[in-house]
N, C-alpha and C. Protein backbone atom coordinates (compact mmCIF):
# COMPACT_ATOMS: atom_id res chain seq x y z
N MET A 1 52.29 153.09 -56.17
CA MET A 1 52.00 153.59 -57.53
C MET A 1 53.23 153.93 -58.31
N ALA A 2 54.27 153.89 -58.57
CA ALA A 2 55.27 154.25 -59.57
C ALA A 2 56.46 153.39 -59.34
N GLY A 3 57.68 153.91 -59.54
CA GLY A 3 58.86 153.12 -59.27
C GLY A 3 58.83 151.81 -59.99
N GLY A 4 58.61 150.69 -59.26
CA GLY A 4 58.56 149.38 -59.87
C GLY A 4 57.38 149.19 -60.77
N ASP A 5 56.28 149.84 -60.46
CA ASP A 5 55.12 150.02 -61.32
C ASP A 5 54.14 148.87 -61.39
N ASP A 6 54.55 147.62 -61.55
CA ASP A 6 53.57 146.56 -61.70
C ASP A 6 52.63 146.50 -60.50
N ALA A 7 53.20 146.61 -59.31
CA ALA A 7 52.38 146.54 -58.11
C ALA A 7 51.59 147.82 -57.90
N ASP A 8 52.06 148.92 -58.52
CA ASP A 8 51.45 150.21 -58.27
C ASP A 8 50.38 150.58 -59.28
N ASP A 9 50.46 150.04 -60.49
CA ASP A 9 49.54 150.45 -61.54
C ASP A 9 48.13 150.00 -61.22
N PRO A 10 47.18 150.93 -61.17
CA PRO A 10 45.79 150.53 -61.00
C PRO A 10 45.26 150.00 -62.31
N THR A 11 44.11 149.35 -62.26
CA THR A 11 43.47 148.95 -63.50
C THR A 11 43.18 150.19 -64.31
N PRO A 12 43.61 150.24 -65.59
CA PRO A 12 43.39 151.46 -66.37
C PRO A 12 41.92 151.82 -66.39
N GLU A 13 41.66 153.13 -66.26
CA GLU A 13 40.29 153.60 -66.23
C GLU A 13 40.12 154.71 -67.25
N PHE A 14 38.93 154.78 -67.81
CA PHE A 14 38.64 155.82 -68.78
C PHE A 14 37.18 156.16 -68.70
N ARG A 15 36.89 157.44 -68.83
CA ARG A 15 35.49 157.85 -68.80
C ARG A 15 35.31 159.05 -69.71
N SER A 16 34.17 159.14 -70.35
CA SER A 16 33.80 160.33 -71.09
C SER A 16 32.31 160.48 -71.04
N GLY A 17 31.81 161.50 -71.69
CA GLY A 17 30.38 161.70 -71.71
C GLY A 17 29.71 160.83 -72.74
N ASP A 18 28.42 161.04 -72.93
CA ASP A 18 27.62 160.31 -73.91
C ASP A 18 28.03 160.74 -75.30
N PRO A 19 28.54 159.82 -76.16
CA PRO A 19 29.00 160.21 -77.48
C PRO A 19 27.91 160.82 -78.34
N SER A 20 26.66 160.64 -77.97
CA SER A 20 25.59 161.22 -78.78
C SER A 20 25.34 162.67 -78.43
N ALA A 21 25.95 163.14 -77.33
CA ALA A 21 25.73 164.52 -76.91
C ALA A 21 26.81 165.43 -77.48
N GLY A 22 26.60 166.74 -77.33
CA GLY A 22 27.61 167.70 -77.75
C GLY A 22 27.67 167.83 -79.25
N SER A 23 28.73 168.48 -79.74
CA SER A 23 28.88 168.69 -81.17
C SER A 23 30.33 168.65 -81.54
N GLY A 24 30.61 168.53 -82.82
CA GLY A 24 31.98 168.49 -83.29
C GLY A 24 32.59 167.13 -83.10
N ASP A 25 33.85 167.00 -83.56
CA ASP A 25 34.54 165.72 -83.49
C ASP A 25 34.95 165.38 -82.08
N SER A 26 35.42 166.40 -81.32
CA SER A 26 35.80 166.24 -79.91
C SER A 26 36.79 165.13 -79.68
N GLY A 27 37.64 164.86 -80.67
CA GLY A 27 38.66 163.85 -80.48
C GLY A 27 38.18 162.46 -80.74
N ARG A 28 36.92 162.25 -81.05
CA ARG A 28 36.41 160.91 -81.28
C ARG A 28 36.78 160.44 -82.67
N MET A 29 37.10 159.19 -82.81
CA MET A 29 37.41 158.61 -84.10
C MET A 29 36.26 157.69 -84.50
N PRO A 30 35.99 157.56 -85.80
CA PRO A 30 34.88 156.71 -86.24
C PRO A 30 34.99 155.32 -85.65
N GLY A 31 33.92 154.84 -85.04
CA GLY A 31 33.89 153.49 -84.51
C GLY A 31 34.57 153.33 -83.17
N VAL A 32 35.05 154.43 -82.57
CA VAL A 32 35.74 154.35 -81.29
C VAL A 32 34.79 154.76 -80.17
N PRO A 33 34.36 153.80 -79.32
CA PRO A 33 33.48 154.17 -78.21
C PRO A 33 34.27 154.87 -77.12
N TRP A 34 33.70 155.91 -76.53
CA TRP A 34 34.38 156.64 -75.47
C TRP A 34 33.90 156.24 -74.09
N ASP A 35 33.08 155.20 -73.98
CA ASP A 35 32.56 154.82 -72.68
C ASP A 35 33.17 153.51 -72.21
N ALA A 36 34.50 153.36 -72.42
CA ALA A 36 35.18 152.13 -72.02
C ALA A 36 35.02 151.88 -70.52
N ASP A 37 34.98 152.94 -69.72
CA ASP A 37 34.72 152.80 -68.29
C ASP A 37 33.90 154.00 -67.82
N PRO A 38 32.59 153.95 -67.98
CA PRO A 38 31.75 155.09 -67.61
C PRO A 38 31.63 155.28 -66.11
N THR A 39 32.22 154.38 -65.30
CA THR A 39 32.11 154.49 -63.84
C THR A 39 33.16 155.43 -63.25
N HIS A 40 34.19 155.77 -64.02
CA HIS A 40 35.24 156.63 -63.47
C HIS A 40 34.69 158.02 -63.16
N ARG A 41 35.00 158.52 -61.98
CA ARG A 41 34.60 159.86 -61.58
C ARG A 41 35.84 160.66 -61.19
N VAL A 42 35.77 161.95 -61.38
CA VAL A 42 36.90 162.80 -61.02
C VAL A 42 37.17 162.70 -59.53
N ARG A 43 38.43 162.58 -59.16
CA ARG A 43 38.86 162.49 -57.77
C ARG A 43 40.31 162.93 -57.72
N PRO A 44 40.87 163.19 -56.54
CA PRO A 44 42.30 163.44 -56.46
C PRO A 44 43.08 162.26 -57.04
N GLY A 45 44.02 162.57 -57.90
CA GLY A 45 44.77 161.51 -58.58
C GLY A 45 44.29 161.22 -59.98
N THR A 46 43.17 161.82 -60.38
CA THR A 46 42.68 161.66 -61.75
C THR A 46 43.54 162.49 -62.70
N ALA A 47 43.81 161.93 -63.88
CA ALA A 47 44.45 162.67 -64.95
C ALA A 47 43.38 163.15 -65.92
N LEU A 48 43.29 164.45 -66.12
CA LEU A 48 42.42 165.02 -67.14
C LEU A 48 43.25 165.13 -68.41
N ILE A 49 42.89 164.36 -69.41
CA ILE A 49 43.64 164.33 -70.66
C ILE A 49 42.90 165.17 -71.70
N ALA A 50 43.55 166.19 -72.21
CA ALA A 50 42.91 167.06 -73.19
C ALA A 50 42.50 166.26 -74.42
N SER A 51 41.26 166.44 -74.85
CA SER A 51 40.81 165.76 -76.06
C SER A 51 41.49 166.39 -77.27
N THR A 52 41.48 165.68 -78.38
CA THR A 52 42.13 166.19 -79.58
C THR A 52 41.36 167.36 -80.18
N ASP A 53 40.16 167.62 -79.68
CA ASP A 53 39.37 168.75 -80.15
C ASP A 53 39.62 170.00 -79.33
N LEU A 54 40.37 169.86 -78.24
CA LEU A 54 40.69 171.00 -77.38
C LEU A 54 41.96 171.65 -77.91
N ILE A 55 41.80 172.69 -78.71
CA ILE A 55 42.95 173.30 -79.39
C ILE A 55 43.32 174.66 -78.81
N GLU A 56 42.62 175.11 -77.77
CA GLU A 56 42.99 176.36 -77.11
C GLU A 56 44.41 176.22 -76.58
N PRO A 57 45.33 177.15 -76.92
CA PRO A 57 46.75 176.96 -76.65
C PRO A 57 47.10 176.64 -75.20
N THR A 58 46.37 177.21 -74.25
CA THR A 58 46.72 176.99 -72.84
C THR A 58 46.60 175.52 -72.45
N PHE A 59 45.64 174.81 -73.04
CA PHE A 59 45.37 173.45 -72.61
C PHE A 59 45.49 172.39 -73.71
N ALA A 60 45.81 172.78 -74.93
CA ALA A 60 45.92 171.79 -76.00
C ALA A 60 46.98 170.75 -75.66
N ARG A 61 46.61 169.49 -75.78
CA ARG A 61 47.50 168.33 -75.56
C ARG A 61 48.11 168.33 -74.14
N THR A 62 47.36 168.81 -73.19
CA THR A 62 47.85 168.82 -71.82
C THR A 62 47.30 167.63 -71.03
N VAL A 63 47.95 167.36 -69.92
CA VAL A 63 47.45 166.43 -68.90
C VAL A 63 47.42 167.20 -67.59
N ILE A 64 46.26 167.24 -66.96
CA ILE A 64 46.12 167.93 -65.68
C ILE A 64 45.94 166.90 -64.57
N TYR A 65 46.77 167.01 -63.56
CA TYR A 65 46.67 166.13 -62.40
C TYR A 65 45.74 166.79 -61.38
N VAL A 66 44.66 166.11 -61.03
CA VAL A 66 43.68 166.66 -60.10
C VAL A 66 44.17 166.49 -58.66
N ILE A 67 44.26 167.61 -57.95
CA ILE A 67 44.70 167.60 -56.56
C ILE A 67 43.51 167.65 -55.61
N GLU A 68 42.53 168.45 -55.95
CA GLU A 68 41.32 168.57 -55.13
C GLU A 68 40.09 168.54 -56.02
N HIS A 69 39.05 167.87 -55.53
CA HIS A 69 37.77 167.85 -56.24
C HIS A 69 36.68 167.66 -55.19
N ASN A 70 35.83 168.68 -55.05
CA ASN A 70 34.75 168.60 -54.07
C ASN A 70 33.58 169.46 -54.53
N GLU A 71 32.63 169.67 -53.63
CA GLU A 71 31.42 170.40 -54.01
C GLU A 71 31.71 171.86 -54.36
N ALA A 72 32.87 172.38 -53.96
CA ALA A 72 33.21 173.77 -54.25
C ALA A 72 33.90 173.95 -55.59
N GLY A 73 34.36 172.86 -56.18
CA GLY A 73 35.05 172.95 -57.46
C GLY A 73 36.22 171.99 -57.54
N SER A 74 37.12 172.26 -58.48
CA SER A 74 38.25 171.36 -58.73
C SER A 74 39.53 172.18 -58.93
N LEU A 75 40.65 171.55 -58.56
CA LEU A 75 41.95 172.20 -58.70
C LEU A 75 42.97 171.15 -59.13
N GLY A 76 43.83 171.54 -60.07
CA GLY A 76 44.87 170.63 -60.52
C GLY A 76 46.01 171.40 -61.17
N VAL A 77 47.02 170.65 -61.61
CA VAL A 77 48.18 171.27 -62.26
C VAL A 77 48.48 170.55 -63.57
N VAL A 78 48.91 171.33 -64.55
CA VAL A 78 49.31 170.77 -65.84
C VAL A 78 50.67 170.08 -65.67
N LEU A 79 50.75 168.83 -66.07
CA LEU A 79 51.99 168.07 -65.87
C LEU A 79 53.01 168.26 -66.98
N ASN A 80 52.58 168.73 -68.14
CA ASN A 80 53.48 168.71 -69.30
C ASN A 80 53.67 170.08 -69.96
N ARG A 81 53.83 171.10 -69.12
CA ARG A 81 54.16 172.44 -69.62
C ARG A 81 55.39 172.95 -68.85
N MET A 82 56.56 172.61 -69.33
CA MET A 82 57.79 173.02 -68.67
C MET A 82 58.13 174.46 -69.03
N SER A 83 58.56 175.23 -68.04
CA SER A 83 59.00 176.60 -68.30
C SER A 83 60.51 176.60 -68.58
N GLN A 84 61.03 177.77 -68.88
CA GLN A 84 62.47 177.91 -69.09
C GLN A 84 63.18 178.36 -67.82
N THR A 85 62.45 178.38 -66.71
CA THR A 85 63.02 178.83 -65.44
C THR A 85 63.48 177.64 -64.61
N ALA A 86 64.73 177.67 -64.20
CA ALA A 86 65.27 176.60 -63.37
C ALA A 86 64.79 176.76 -61.93
N VAL A 87 64.55 175.64 -61.27
CA VAL A 87 64.17 175.68 -59.85
C VAL A 87 65.22 176.43 -59.05
N HIS A 88 66.46 176.26 -59.42
CA HIS A 88 67.57 176.90 -58.69
C HIS A 88 67.43 178.42 -58.66
N ASN A 89 66.83 178.99 -59.70
CA ASN A 89 66.73 180.44 -59.77
C ASN A 89 65.71 181.02 -58.79
N LEU A 90 64.71 180.25 -58.42
CA LEU A 90 63.66 180.75 -57.54
C LEU A 90 63.63 180.08 -56.17
N LEU A 91 63.89 178.79 -56.14
CA LEU A 91 63.85 178.03 -54.88
C LEU A 91 65.09 177.14 -54.81
N PRO A 92 66.26 177.75 -54.66
CA PRO A 92 67.50 176.97 -54.73
C PRO A 92 67.59 175.84 -53.73
N GLN A 93 66.94 175.99 -52.58
CA GLN A 93 67.01 174.95 -51.55
C GLN A 93 66.33 173.66 -51.98
N TRP A 94 65.46 173.72 -53.01
CA TRP A 94 64.74 172.55 -53.48
C TRP A 94 65.38 171.91 -54.71
N THR A 95 66.49 172.45 -55.16
CA THR A 95 67.11 171.97 -56.41
C THR A 95 67.47 170.50 -56.34
N ASP A 96 68.10 170.07 -55.26
CA ASP A 96 68.60 168.69 -55.19
C ASP A 96 67.48 167.66 -55.21
N ILE A 97 66.33 168.01 -54.66
CA ILE A 97 65.23 167.05 -54.58
C ILE A 97 64.27 167.16 -55.77
N ALA A 98 64.43 168.21 -56.57
CA ALA A 98 63.57 168.40 -57.74
C ALA A 98 63.89 167.36 -58.80
N ALA A 99 62.84 166.81 -59.40
CA ALA A 99 63.02 165.81 -60.46
C ALA A 99 63.58 166.48 -61.71
N SER A 100 64.38 165.73 -62.46
CA SER A 100 64.91 166.22 -63.73
C SER A 100 63.74 166.60 -64.64
N PRO A 101 63.85 167.70 -65.34
CA PRO A 101 65.00 168.57 -65.62
C PRO A 101 65.21 169.70 -64.62
N ARG A 102 64.62 169.59 -63.44
CA ARG A 102 64.78 170.59 -62.37
C ARG A 102 64.38 171.99 -62.83
N ALA A 103 63.29 172.02 -63.55
CA ALA A 103 62.73 173.28 -64.03
C ALA A 103 61.37 173.51 -63.39
N LEU A 104 60.95 174.75 -63.38
CA LEU A 104 59.61 175.09 -62.93
C LEU A 104 58.63 174.73 -64.04
N TYR A 105 57.48 174.16 -63.67
CA TYR A 105 56.44 173.82 -64.64
C TYR A 105 55.28 174.80 -64.49
N ILE A 106 54.59 175.05 -65.60
CA ILE A 106 53.44 175.95 -65.59
C ILE A 106 52.20 175.13 -65.24
N GLY A 107 51.72 175.28 -64.01
CA GLY A 107 50.60 174.46 -63.55
C GLY A 107 49.26 174.88 -64.10
N GLY A 108 49.17 176.09 -64.59
CA GLY A 108 47.91 176.58 -65.14
C GLY A 108 47.88 178.09 -65.12
N PRO A 109 46.79 178.68 -65.58
CA PRO A 109 46.72 180.13 -65.72
C PRO A 109 46.38 180.89 -64.43
N VAL A 110 46.04 180.19 -63.37
CA VAL A 110 45.61 180.85 -62.13
C VAL A 110 46.80 181.06 -61.19
N LYS A 111 46.98 182.28 -60.71
CA LYS A 111 48.01 182.63 -59.71
C LYS A 111 49.39 182.11 -60.10
N GLN A 112 49.86 182.53 -61.25
CA GLN A 112 51.17 182.07 -61.71
C GLN A 112 52.32 182.70 -60.93
N ASP A 113 52.01 183.63 -60.04
CA ASP A 113 53.05 184.20 -59.19
C ASP A 113 53.22 183.40 -57.90
N ALA A 114 52.47 182.31 -57.76
CA ALA A 114 52.57 181.45 -56.58
C ALA A 114 53.02 180.06 -57.00
N ALA A 115 53.74 179.39 -56.12
CA ALA A 115 54.27 178.06 -56.42
C ALA A 115 53.53 176.99 -55.63
N LEU A 116 53.40 175.84 -56.24
CA LEU A 116 52.75 174.67 -55.65
C LEU A 116 53.64 173.47 -55.94
N CYS A 117 53.77 172.58 -54.99
CA CYS A 117 54.71 171.47 -55.13
C CYS A 117 54.04 170.12 -54.87
N LEU A 118 54.26 169.19 -55.78
CA LEU A 118 53.84 167.80 -55.59
C LEU A 118 55.07 166.91 -55.50
N GLY A 119 54.98 165.89 -54.67
CA GLY A 119 56.07 164.94 -54.54
C GLY A 119 55.57 163.51 -54.58
N VAL A 120 56.51 162.60 -54.78
CA VAL A 120 56.21 161.17 -54.78
C VAL A 120 57.01 160.52 -53.66
N MET A 121 56.31 159.89 -52.72
CA MET A 121 56.99 159.25 -51.60
C MET A 121 57.63 157.94 -52.00
N LYS A 122 58.73 157.63 -51.36
CA LYS A 122 59.35 156.32 -51.53
C LYS A 122 58.49 155.27 -50.84
N HIS A 123 58.62 154.04 -51.29
CA HIS A 123 57.89 152.94 -50.65
C HIS A 123 58.36 152.78 -49.20
N GLY A 124 57.41 152.45 -48.33
CA GLY A 124 57.77 152.12 -46.96
C GLY A 124 57.70 153.27 -45.98
N TYR A 125 57.31 154.45 -46.44
CA TYR A 125 57.20 155.60 -45.54
C TYR A 125 55.74 155.99 -45.37
N ASP A 126 55.43 156.57 -44.21
CA ASP A 126 54.06 156.96 -43.88
C ASP A 126 53.96 158.48 -43.93
N VAL A 127 53.04 158.98 -44.75
CA VAL A 127 52.88 160.43 -44.89
C VAL A 127 52.50 161.08 -43.57
N ASP A 128 51.82 160.36 -42.69
CA ASP A 128 51.39 160.92 -41.41
C ASP A 128 52.56 161.25 -40.49
N ASP A 129 53.73 160.70 -40.79
CA ASP A 129 54.92 160.97 -39.98
C ASP A 129 55.62 162.26 -40.38
N HIS A 130 55.09 162.94 -41.39
CA HIS A 130 55.79 164.11 -41.93
C HIS A 130 54.81 165.27 -42.10
N PRO A 131 54.80 166.21 -41.16
CA PRO A 131 53.83 167.32 -41.18
C PRO A 131 53.91 168.19 -42.43
N ALA A 132 55.04 168.18 -43.12
CA ALA A 132 55.19 169.01 -44.31
C ALA A 132 54.55 168.39 -45.54
N LEU A 133 54.04 167.17 -45.39
CA LEU A 133 53.44 166.47 -46.53
C LEU A 133 51.95 166.25 -46.29
N ARG A 134 51.17 166.41 -47.35
CA ARG A 134 49.73 166.17 -47.26
C ARG A 134 49.34 165.16 -48.33
N PRO A 135 48.66 164.08 -47.96
CA PRO A 135 48.34 163.05 -48.96
C PRO A 135 47.39 163.57 -50.03
N VAL A 136 47.63 163.13 -51.26
CA VAL A 136 46.74 163.43 -52.38
C VAL A 136 46.12 162.15 -52.90
N ASP A 137 46.98 161.24 -53.37
CA ASP A 137 46.50 159.94 -53.87
C ASP A 137 47.66 158.97 -53.87
N GLY A 138 47.51 157.86 -53.16
CA GLY A 138 48.59 156.88 -53.12
C GLY A 138 49.87 157.49 -52.56
N ARG A 139 50.95 157.38 -53.32
CA ARG A 139 52.23 157.92 -52.88
C ARG A 139 52.44 159.38 -53.28
N VAL A 140 51.47 159.96 -53.94
CA VAL A 140 51.58 161.37 -54.34
C VAL A 140 51.14 162.27 -53.19
N VAL A 141 51.96 163.27 -52.89
CA VAL A 141 51.69 164.16 -51.77
C VAL A 141 51.87 165.62 -52.18
N LEU A 142 51.19 166.50 -51.47
CA LEU A 142 51.39 167.93 -51.60
C LEU A 142 52.48 168.32 -50.61
N VAL A 143 53.45 169.09 -51.08
CA VAL A 143 54.63 169.41 -50.27
C VAL A 143 54.62 170.88 -49.87
N ASP A 144 54.87 171.14 -48.60
CA ASP A 144 54.95 172.50 -48.09
C ASP A 144 56.31 173.08 -48.46
N LEU A 145 56.32 174.08 -49.34
CA LEU A 145 57.58 174.65 -49.80
C LEU A 145 58.26 175.50 -48.74
N ASP A 146 57.58 175.79 -47.64
CA ASP A 146 58.21 176.51 -46.54
C ASP A 146 58.98 175.57 -45.61
N ALA A 147 58.85 174.28 -45.84
CA ALA A 147 59.53 173.29 -44.99
C ALA A 147 61.00 173.15 -45.41
N ASP A 148 61.76 172.51 -44.55
CA ASP A 148 63.17 172.21 -44.84
C ASP A 148 63.21 170.98 -45.76
N PRO A 149 63.74 171.10 -46.98
CA PRO A 149 63.74 169.96 -47.90
C PRO A 149 64.72 168.86 -47.53
N GLU A 150 65.71 169.16 -46.71
CA GLU A 150 66.75 168.17 -46.44
C GLU A 150 66.20 166.88 -45.83
N PRO A 151 65.41 166.93 -44.74
CA PRO A 151 64.88 165.67 -44.21
C PRO A 151 63.88 165.00 -45.15
N LEU A 152 63.21 165.79 -45.98
CA LEU A 152 62.24 165.20 -46.92
C LEU A 152 62.91 164.42 -48.03
N SER A 153 64.17 164.73 -48.29
CA SER A 153 64.88 164.01 -49.35
C SER A 153 65.04 162.53 -49.01
N GLU A 154 64.90 162.18 -47.74
CA GLU A 154 65.02 160.78 -47.33
C GLU A 154 63.76 159.99 -47.65
N VAL A 155 62.63 160.69 -47.79
CA VAL A 155 61.36 159.97 -47.96
C VAL A 155 60.71 160.21 -49.32
N LEU A 156 61.23 161.15 -50.09
CA LEU A 156 60.64 161.48 -51.38
C LEU A 156 61.53 161.04 -52.53
N GLU A 157 60.91 160.43 -53.54
CA GLU A 157 61.65 160.10 -54.76
C GLU A 157 62.03 161.37 -55.52
N GLY A 158 61.18 162.36 -55.43
CA GLY A 158 61.42 163.62 -56.11
C GLY A 158 60.20 164.51 -56.00
N VAL A 159 60.38 165.77 -56.38
CA VAL A 159 59.26 166.71 -56.38
C VAL A 159 59.20 167.43 -57.72
N ARG A 160 58.03 167.95 -58.02
CA ARG A 160 57.83 168.82 -59.18
C ARG A 160 57.18 170.10 -58.66
N ILE A 161 57.75 171.24 -59.04
CA ILE A 161 57.26 172.53 -58.57
C ILE A 161 56.56 173.25 -59.73
N PHE A 162 55.37 173.75 -59.44
CA PHE A 162 54.53 174.37 -60.47
C PHE A 162 54.27 175.83 -60.14
N ALA A 163 54.29 176.66 -61.18
CA ALA A 163 53.86 178.05 -61.06
C ALA A 163 52.40 178.12 -61.48
N GLY A 164 51.53 178.47 -60.55
CA GLY A 164 50.11 178.55 -60.86
C GLY A 164 49.43 177.20 -60.86
N TYR A 165 48.12 177.25 -61.11
CA TYR A 165 47.33 176.03 -61.15
C TYR A 165 46.15 176.22 -62.08
N SER A 166 45.42 175.14 -62.31
CA SER A 166 44.20 175.16 -63.12
C SER A 166 43.02 174.93 -62.18
N GLY A 167 41.99 175.74 -62.31
CA GLY A 167 40.86 175.62 -61.39
C GLY A 167 39.52 175.72 -62.08
N TRP A 168 38.53 175.10 -61.47
CA TRP A 168 37.15 175.12 -61.96
C TRP A 168 36.22 175.42 -60.79
N GLY A 169 35.22 176.26 -61.02
CA GLY A 169 34.20 176.51 -60.02
C GLY A 169 33.16 175.41 -60.03
N ILE A 170 32.11 175.60 -59.26
CA ILE A 170 31.05 174.60 -59.14
C ILE A 170 30.46 174.28 -60.51
N GLY A 171 30.51 173.03 -60.89
CA GLY A 171 29.89 172.57 -62.12
C GLY A 171 30.67 172.84 -63.39
N GLN A 172 31.73 173.64 -63.33
CA GLN A 172 32.46 173.99 -64.56
C GLN A 172 33.14 172.79 -65.20
N LEU A 173 33.80 171.97 -64.39
CA LEU A 173 34.48 170.82 -64.95
C LEU A 173 33.48 169.82 -65.52
N ASP A 174 32.36 169.63 -64.85
CA ASP A 174 31.33 168.74 -65.38
C ASP A 174 30.85 169.22 -66.75
N ASP A 175 30.71 170.53 -66.90
CA ASP A 175 30.29 171.07 -68.20
C ASP A 175 31.32 170.77 -69.28
N GLU A 176 32.60 170.90 -68.93
CA GLU A 176 33.65 170.63 -69.91
C GLU A 176 33.72 169.15 -70.26
N LEU A 177 33.45 168.29 -69.29
CA LEU A 177 33.41 166.85 -69.57
C LEU A 177 32.24 166.53 -70.49
N ASP A 178 31.11 167.18 -70.28
CA ASP A 178 29.95 166.96 -71.13
C ASP A 178 30.21 167.42 -72.56
N GLN A 179 31.13 168.37 -72.71
CA GLN A 179 31.50 168.88 -74.03
C GLN A 179 32.67 168.10 -74.64
N PHE A 180 33.08 167.02 -73.98
CA PHE A 180 34.18 166.16 -74.46
C PHE A 180 35.51 166.90 -74.52
N SER A 181 35.71 167.89 -73.66
CA SER A 181 36.99 168.59 -73.64
C SER A 181 38.08 167.75 -72.99
N TRP A 182 37.69 166.85 -72.07
CA TRP A 182 38.66 166.07 -71.31
C TRP A 182 38.29 164.59 -71.29
N MET A 183 39.31 163.77 -71.27
CA MET A 183 39.16 162.34 -71.01
C MET A 183 39.72 162.08 -69.61
N LEU A 184 39.19 161.09 -68.93
CA LEU A 184 39.61 160.79 -67.57
C LEU A 184 40.37 159.47 -67.49
N ALA A 185 41.44 159.47 -66.74
CA ALA A 185 42.21 158.25 -66.50
C ALA A 185 42.84 158.35 -65.12
N SER A 186 43.33 157.24 -64.61
CA SER A 186 44.06 157.24 -63.34
C SER A 186 45.51 157.61 -63.61
N ALA A 187 45.99 158.65 -62.96
CA ALA A 187 47.39 159.04 -63.09
C ALA A 187 48.26 158.12 -62.24
N LEU A 188 49.50 157.98 -62.64
CA LEU A 188 50.49 157.22 -61.88
C LEU A 188 51.57 158.18 -61.38
N PRO A 189 52.24 157.86 -60.28
CA PRO A 189 53.31 158.74 -59.79
C PRO A 189 54.36 159.05 -60.85
N ARG A 190 54.64 158.09 -61.71
CA ARG A 190 55.67 158.34 -62.73
C ARG A 190 55.25 159.43 -63.70
N ASP A 191 53.95 159.69 -63.82
CA ASP A 191 53.49 160.77 -64.70
C ASP A 191 53.93 162.13 -64.15
N LEU A 192 53.96 162.26 -62.83
CA LEU A 192 54.36 163.53 -62.22
C LEU A 192 55.85 163.81 -62.40
N LEU A 193 56.65 162.76 -62.37
CA LEU A 193 58.10 162.93 -62.42
C LEU A 193 58.67 162.48 -63.76
N ALA A 194 57.88 162.58 -64.81
CA ALA A 194 58.32 162.12 -66.13
C ALA A 194 59.61 162.82 -66.55
N PRO A 195 60.55 162.08 -67.13
CA PRO A 195 61.85 162.66 -67.50
C PRO A 195 61.73 163.59 -68.70
N PRO A 196 62.76 164.40 -68.94
CA PRO A 196 62.75 165.27 -70.11
C PRO A 196 62.56 164.46 -71.39
N GLY A 197 61.77 164.98 -72.28
CA GLY A 197 61.53 164.28 -73.54
C GLY A 197 60.35 163.34 -73.51
N ALA A 198 59.85 163.01 -72.33
CA ALA A 198 58.68 162.13 -72.24
C ALA A 198 57.43 162.86 -72.72
N ASP A 199 56.55 162.14 -73.40
CA ASP A 199 55.28 162.70 -73.86
C ASP A 199 54.19 162.13 -72.96
N VAL A 200 53.88 162.85 -71.89
CA VAL A 200 52.94 162.34 -70.89
C VAL A 200 51.55 162.14 -71.48
N TRP A 201 51.11 163.06 -72.31
CA TRP A 201 49.79 162.95 -72.96
C TRP A 201 49.71 161.66 -73.76
N PHE A 202 50.73 161.42 -74.58
CA PHE A 202 50.79 160.21 -75.41
C PHE A 202 50.87 158.96 -74.54
N ASP A 203 51.74 158.99 -73.54
CA ASP A 203 51.97 157.80 -72.72
C ASP A 203 50.72 157.37 -71.96
N ILE A 204 49.98 158.34 -71.40
CA ILE A 204 48.78 157.97 -70.65
C ILE A 204 47.72 157.39 -71.58
N LEU A 205 47.53 157.99 -72.74
CA LEU A 205 46.56 157.44 -73.68
C LEU A 205 46.94 156.04 -74.13
N ARG A 206 48.22 155.81 -74.34
CA ARG A 206 48.68 154.51 -74.85
C ARG A 206 48.44 153.38 -73.86
N ARG A 207 48.38 153.68 -72.58
CA ARG A 207 48.19 152.60 -71.61
C ARG A 207 46.72 152.37 -71.26
N GLN A 208 45.80 153.10 -71.89
CA GLN A 208 44.38 152.89 -71.65
C GLN A 208 43.88 151.67 -72.42
N PRO A 209 42.72 151.13 -72.04
CA PRO A 209 42.17 149.98 -72.75
C PRO A 209 41.89 150.32 -74.21
N TRP A 210 42.08 149.33 -75.06
CA TRP A 210 41.74 149.47 -76.46
C TRP A 210 40.26 149.85 -76.60
N PRO A 211 39.90 150.78 -77.49
CA PRO A 211 40.72 151.37 -78.57
C PRO A 211 41.27 152.75 -78.24
N MET A 212 41.32 153.14 -76.96
CA MET A 212 41.77 154.49 -76.63
C MET A 212 43.19 154.81 -77.10
N PRO A 213 44.12 153.84 -77.16
CA PRO A 213 45.46 154.18 -77.65
C PRO A 213 45.48 154.76 -79.06
N LEU A 214 44.42 154.51 -79.82
CA LEU A 214 44.38 155.08 -81.17
C LEU A 214 44.43 156.60 -81.15
N LEU A 215 43.86 157.19 -80.10
CA LEU A 215 43.82 158.65 -80.02
C LEU A 215 45.21 159.25 -79.81
N ALA A 216 46.15 158.46 -79.32
CA ALA A 216 47.49 158.99 -79.06
C ALA A 216 48.17 159.46 -80.33
N THR A 217 47.79 158.90 -81.46
CA THR A 217 48.40 159.30 -82.73
C THR A 217 47.46 160.16 -83.57
N HIS A 218 46.33 160.55 -82.97
CA HIS A 218 45.36 161.38 -83.69
C HIS A 218 45.86 162.82 -83.70
N PRO A 219 45.96 163.48 -84.86
CA PRO A 219 46.51 164.84 -84.91
C PRO A 219 45.61 165.84 -84.20
N ILE A 220 46.24 166.78 -83.49
CA ILE A 220 45.48 167.85 -82.85
C ILE A 220 44.89 168.77 -83.92
N ASP A 221 45.69 169.11 -84.92
CA ASP A 221 45.22 169.93 -86.03
C ASP A 221 44.61 169.00 -87.06
N LEU A 222 43.28 168.98 -87.17
CA LEU A 222 42.62 168.04 -88.06
C LEU A 222 42.94 168.31 -89.52
N SER A 223 43.50 169.49 -89.84
CA SER A 223 43.90 169.75 -91.22
C SER A 223 45.08 168.89 -91.62
N LEU A 224 45.77 168.30 -90.60
CA LEU A 224 46.90 167.42 -90.88
C LEU A 224 46.45 166.00 -91.15
N ASN A 225 45.18 165.71 -90.94
CA ASN A 225 44.67 164.35 -91.08
C ASN A 225 44.57 163.95 -92.54
């Protein structure tokens, strides 16, 4: 999934609720169907893309990478909320392997005093050979921050460290999807390690099947339209 990319990119996927349900604009544009791929279901590796109608500051224009999704609920981290805290200040041993800009990211409003780490494995390595790594989706792994990062630097392209996470209880995420709060797509490893200045929300929308790229330029504040 990332790096060279052509071999890793899955067929773009998109899913939303029934456009006739709910209320408000919810990011929909006139004549734009939101059921380009109604078969997509939330799973580890799904990107939850905030709709243009989601203006609550915590999640407006965010992309959440889903780490866990089961009958008990869902858990993920926001990929595009960088903090002003350098990794070196809190976890100096992970600085060298942290992806640029080597800053802590705000994973969500839950347990922001705890850190969670995702990494992207290099091609040709097996996650089962490394007890400090837990598979999430493809080459994306959950990294044990209590482990020694030095040997992991040989098998990981980089890591991103998050303060806190985003979570949903039973049925909560389904309710938000029914309200058109989120769009679903397949995340790529490069989304996790996006360089400084990258607009992950924009980039993921732009690579979806037409006409979804139109939403990438849709203003969040409809008064600007």
